Structure formats: C-alpha cells, structure tokens
Amino acid sequence: MFLIRGRVAASAAASAARTRTHKAAPAAAMSSSSGGGGGGDSLISIPVESRLPARAAVVVAGSGLIGNSVAYHLVERGWKDVVVIDKGDIADGTSKYGSGMLGMFRPSAERAIVQACVELYRSLQARGFDIGLSEVGSLNLAMSRDRMISLRRRANRYAPTGLDCQVLTPRECQELHPYLYTDDLQGGKEEN
C-alpha cells in the first residue's frame, strides 16, 4: 500500500529527504504490499511525496480514522493494490482529536463496535506495533441534577449487560482525581 501526500514539503531539508520515517502504526503497518506489518519497534518509511500509481484496485481518500480503517481491513483481507491519498500527514485532520477515546458507557450495540476496536488495537500492540494503547477507564461528571439522573439511569441499564461502572458522589470523584473542583458537581460515573 502507498500513502500519497498532496502537500509539497516546505523546507529544503524535508524536500531533500523525500521520505519520513514513522513508528509502525495502523496506516504504516499496511505500507508493504504483502499486507503485513513488521514486528517489534521496526520503522517503516512512508513516501512524503510520490507520484500516483498509474492504476490501483482501491484508492482511499483520507488517512484519518475511517480511511485508515478501510485500508487496513482491505489489506488484512488480502487486497494488495490499495492506495491511500491525503492532503496532509496520517490522521492530521479531525481524527487526531478524538480517536483515542473508546468509552464503553453506551448502548450495547455501540459497545460491541467499540469492543471490536479495542480488540483490534490490542492485537496490533501484541503484534509489535507501537500504537500507544493505554486502557485507563473514564470518569463522566454531572454538574446538573438532570445529568446526574441520566448517568444513574444509564449505569443501572448497562450494569446487567456486564459493564463495570459505578455512580460516584462528588467526594468519591475527588478521591479519584484530587485536583478536581467538585463544589459545583452533583456526582459522576466511573468506568473501568
């Protein structure tokens, strides 16, 4: 797979280098036409500027969360002629701002999608790709009575489906995060 960038490098040094080396990550993991990634801390070179190939079986526009996912799954299923084009760097658009949040405090159908993502990220990490996966849980806060009622209802609805979450008082929230200002909080919900 190729990653084609549309922007010309601004500095002479970048232009002279012609390639940028990235730690192997999901998009970088697909850069070989064999469809596999490397192991360990291997580095993969992705062309900074390249000419588009004359033909490709699949061209994916955008190297954000969705573009990377589409290309990754195509390569995993054996497609060898996949090209990803983007006007900037990998995940340089809106994907970089929220792509790491995989909260499970949601309806079970949505949770199944998030769980599939978590399992994919775990498998990439296990295969040696340094994607920076950290599973740390989450804390949702309620500043209004209505929001607290909503958190309680959702926690009660999701608990029987196996979701590990607890409704917390403002004091319990502060015990988890000592610098959290809690004077205006009704409470919160912790998810492990």
Protein backbone atom coordinates (compact mmCIF):
# COMPACT_ATOMS: atom_id res chain seq x y z
CA MET A 1 0.00 0.00 0.00
CA PHE A 2 1.16 3.53 -0.68
CA LEU A 3 0.43 6.69 1.23
CA ILE A 4 0.44 9.66 -1.11
CA ARG A 5 0.64 13.15 0.34
CA GLY A 6 -0.68 16.04 -1.67
CA ARG A 7 1.24 18.81 0.09
CA VAL A 8 4.75 19.68 -1.07
CA ALA A 9 7.29 19.76 1.78
CA ALA A 10 8.03 23.32 2.85
CA SER A 11 11.65 23.05 3.87
CA ALA A 12 14.60 22.20 1.67
CA ALA A 13 15.66 19.55 4.17
CA ALA A 14 12.30 17.82 4.00
CA SER A 15 12.30 18.00 0.22
CA ALA A 16 15.77 16.51 0.06
CA ALA A 17 14.88 13.67 2.42
CA ARG A 18 11.91 12.56 0.24
CA THR A 19 10.74 10.14 2.97
CA ARG A 20 9.66 10.45 6.54
CA THR A 21 10.12 7.55 8.93
CA HIS A 22 7.25 6.74 11.28
CA LYS A 23 6.89 4.25 14.10
CA ALA A 24 4.73 1.43 12.82
CA ALA A 25 1.10 2.33 13.41
CA PRO A 26 -2.09 1.10 11.74
CA ALA A 27 -1.60 3.07 8.49
CA ALA A 28 2.14 2.47 8.49
CA ALA A 29 1.56 -1.19 9.19
CA MET A 30 -0.10 -1.51 5.81
CA SER A 31 2.66 0.07 3.78
CA SER A 32 4.05 -3.16 2.41
CA SER A 33 2.25 -4.76 -0.49
CA SER A 34 2.31 -8.10 1.30
CA GLY A 35 -0.31 -6.73 3.69
CA GLY A 36 1.66 -7.37 6.84
CA GLY A 37 3.37 -5.16 9.32
CA GLY A 38 6.70 -5.59 10.98
CA GLY A 39 7.39 -6.68 14.48
CA GLY A 40 8.97 -5.00 17.46
CA ASP A 41 9.99 -1.38 17.10
CA SER A 42 10.56 -1.67 13.36
CA LEU A 43 10.41 1.56 11.42
CA ILE A 44 8.61 1.84 8.13
CA SER A 45 9.29 4.54 5.57
CA ILE A 46 6.30 6.23 4.01
CA PRO A 47 6.92 8.43 0.98
CA VAL A 48 6.42 12.12 1.73
CA GLU A 49 5.93 12.92 -1.93
CA SER A 50 5.23 10.35 -4.60
CA ARG A 51 3.64 10.19 -7.97
CA LEU A 52 0.32 8.43 -8.05
CA PRO A 53 0.49 4.93 -9.48
CA ALA A 54 -1.00 4.52 -12.94
CA ARG A 55 -3.70 2.24 -11.53
CA ALA A 56 -4.89 0.78 -8.25
CA ALA A 57 -7.62 -1.65 -7.28
CA VAL A 58 -8.70 0.66 -4.44
CA VAL A 59 -7.99 4.31 -3.72
CA VAL A 60 -8.91 5.56 -0.25
CA ALA A 61 -9.25 9.33 0.12
CA GLY A 62 -8.12 10.38 3.58
CA SER A 63 -5.75 8.82 6.09
CA GLY A 64 -7.84 9.58 9.16
CA LEU A 65 -9.67 7.14 11.37
CA ILE A 66 -12.08 5.91 8.71
CA GLY A 67 -9.63 5.90 5.79
CA ASN A 68 -7.01 4.02 7.79
CA SER A 69 -9.61 1.53 8.98
CA VAL A 70 -10.92 0.85 5.48
CA ALA A 71 -7.41 0.41 4.06
CA TYR A 72 -6.27 -1.73 7.00
CA HIS A 73 -9.20 -4.14 6.71
CA LEU A 74 -8.82 -4.43 2.94
CA VAL A 75 -5.14 -5.34 3.31
CA GLU A 76 -5.92 -7.78 6.13
CA ARG A 77 -8.37 -9.49 3.76
CA GLY A 78 -5.71 -9.91 1.09
CA TRP A 79 -6.06 -6.83 -1.11
CA LYS A 80 -2.60 -5.86 -2.35
CA ASP A 81 -3.21 -2.87 -4.57
CA VAL A 82 -4.51 -0.29 -2.08
CA VAL A 83 -3.54 3.40 -2.23
CA VAL A 84 -4.32 5.95 0.48
CA ILE A 85 -4.17 9.60 -0.56
CA ASP A 86 -4.25 12.54 1.79
CA LYS A 87 -3.58 16.26 1.69
CA GLY A 88 -1.54 16.07 4.93
CA ASP A 89 0.01 13.70 7.43
CA ILE A 90 -1.55 10.49 8.76
CA ALA A 91 -4.58 11.31 10.92
CA ASP A 92 -3.72 15.01 10.75
CA GLY A 93 -7.32 16.19 10.48
CA THR A 94 -10.10 15.82 13.00
CA SER A 95 -9.26 12.16 13.72
CA LYS A 96 -6.32 13.13 15.93
CA TYR A 97 -8.57 14.98 18.37
CA GLY A 98 -10.86 12.17 19.50
CA SER A 99 -9.64 8.92 18.02
CA GLY A 100 -8.23 7.60 21.29
CA MET A 101 -11.46 7.67 23.26
CA LEU A 102 -13.04 4.25 23.40
CA GLY A 103 -15.56 4.56 26.22
CA MET A 104 -17.89 1.66 26.82
CA PHE A 105 -20.60 3.68 28.61
CA ARG A 106 -23.03 3.40 25.72
CA PRO A 107 -25.80 1.11 24.48
CA SER A 108 -24.71 -2.50 23.96
CA ALA A 109 -24.90 -2.31 20.14
CA GLU A 110 -22.46 0.63 20.11
CA ARG A 111 -20.36 -1.01 22.81
CA ALA A 112 -19.88 -4.04 20.53
CA ILE A 113 -18.32 -1.76 17.90
CA VAL A 114 -16.06 -0.11 20.48
CA GLN A 115 -15.08 -3.55 21.87
CA ALA A 116 -14.12 -4.70 18.36
CA CYS A 117 -11.89 -1.60 18.08
CA VAL A 118 -10.27 -2.31 21.45
CA GLU A 119 -9.58 -5.91 20.42
CA LEU A 120 -8.05 -4.73 17.13
CA TYR A 121 -5.80 -2.26 18.96
CA ARG A 122 -4.77 -4.94 21.46
CA SER A 123 -3.87 -7.30 18.61
CA LEU A 124 -1.83 -4.60 16.83
CA GLN A 125 0.04 -3.91 20.08
CA ALA A 126 0.62 -7.66 20.60
CA ARG A 127 1.99 -7.95 17.04
CA GLY A 128 4.62 -5.35 17.91
CA PHE A 129 3.12 -2.12 16.57
CA ASP A 130 3.71 0.74 18.98
CA ILE A 131 0.28 2.37 18.87
CA GLY A 132 0.39 3.71 22.43
CA LEU A 133 -2.65 1.81 23.70
CA SER A 134 -3.41 2.60 27.35
CA GLU A 135 -6.59 1.30 28.94
CA VAL A 136 -7.28 3.74 31.76
CA GLY A 137 -11.06 3.88 32.22
CA SER A 138 -13.13 7.05 32.25
CA LEU A 139 -14.98 9.44 34.53
CA ASN A 140 -18.17 11.19 33.42
CA LEU A 141 -19.18 14.19 35.54
CA ALA A 142 -22.61 15.66 36.24
CA MET A 143 -22.96 19.36 37.03
CA SER A 144 -26.74 19.36 36.98
CA ARG A 145 -29.38 17.28 38.70
CA ASP A 146 -30.78 16.14 35.32
CA ARG A 147 -27.35 14.99 34.13
CA MET A 148 -26.87 13.02 37.37
CA ILE A 149 -30.26 11.35 36.92
CA SER A 150 -29.26 10.44 33.35
CA LEU A 151 -25.92 8.94 34.49
CA ARG A 152 -27.68 6.88 37.20
CA ARG A 153 -30.30 5.58 34.76
CA ARG A 154 -27.70 4.65 32.16
CA ALA A 155 -25.45 2.95 34.74
CA ASN A 156 -28.42 0.93 36.03
CA ARG A 157 -29.42 -0.01 32.47
CA TYR A 158 -25.90 -1.02 31.39
CA ALA A 159 -24.79 -2.88 34.57
CA PRO A 160 -26.77 -6.08 33.75
CA THR A 161 -25.03 -6.20 30.34
CA GLY A 162 -21.65 -6.61 32.04
CA LEU A 163 -20.36 -3.04 32.00
CA ASP A 164 -18.19 -2.32 35.06
CA CYS A 165 -19.25 1.17 36.17
CA GLN A 166 -20.08 2.87 39.45
CA VAL A 167 -22.08 6.01 40.24
CA LEU A 168 -20.00 8.31 42.45
CA THR A 169 -20.60 11.16 44.86
CA PRO A 170 -18.66 14.42 44.36
CA ARG A 171 -16.36 13.36 47.23
CA GLU A 172 -15.64 9.99 45.54
CA CYS A 173 -14.87 11.81 42.27
CA GLN A 174 -12.36 13.98 44.12
CA GLU A 175 -10.77 10.92 45.75
CA LEU A 176 -10.08 9.59 42.26
CA HIS A 177 -8.79 12.95 41.00
CA PRO A 178 -7.59 15.12 43.92
CA TYR A 179 -7.29 18.30 41.83
CA LEU A 180 -10.84 18.07 40.52
CA TYR A 181 -13.04 21.04 41.53
CA THR A 182 -16.22 19.48 42.92
CA ASP A 183 -18.14 22.34 44.53
CA ASP A 184 -20.49 22.52 41.52
CA LEU A 185 -20.75 18.74 40.90
CA GLN A 186 -23.76 16.55 41.53
CA GLY A 187 -21.60 13.42 41.13
CA GLY A 188 -20.20 11.25 38.40
CA LYS A 189 -19.79 7.82 36.92
CA GLU A 190 -16.55 5.80 36.79
CA GLU A 191 -15.95 3.14 34.17
CA ASN A 192 -13.11 0.63 34.49
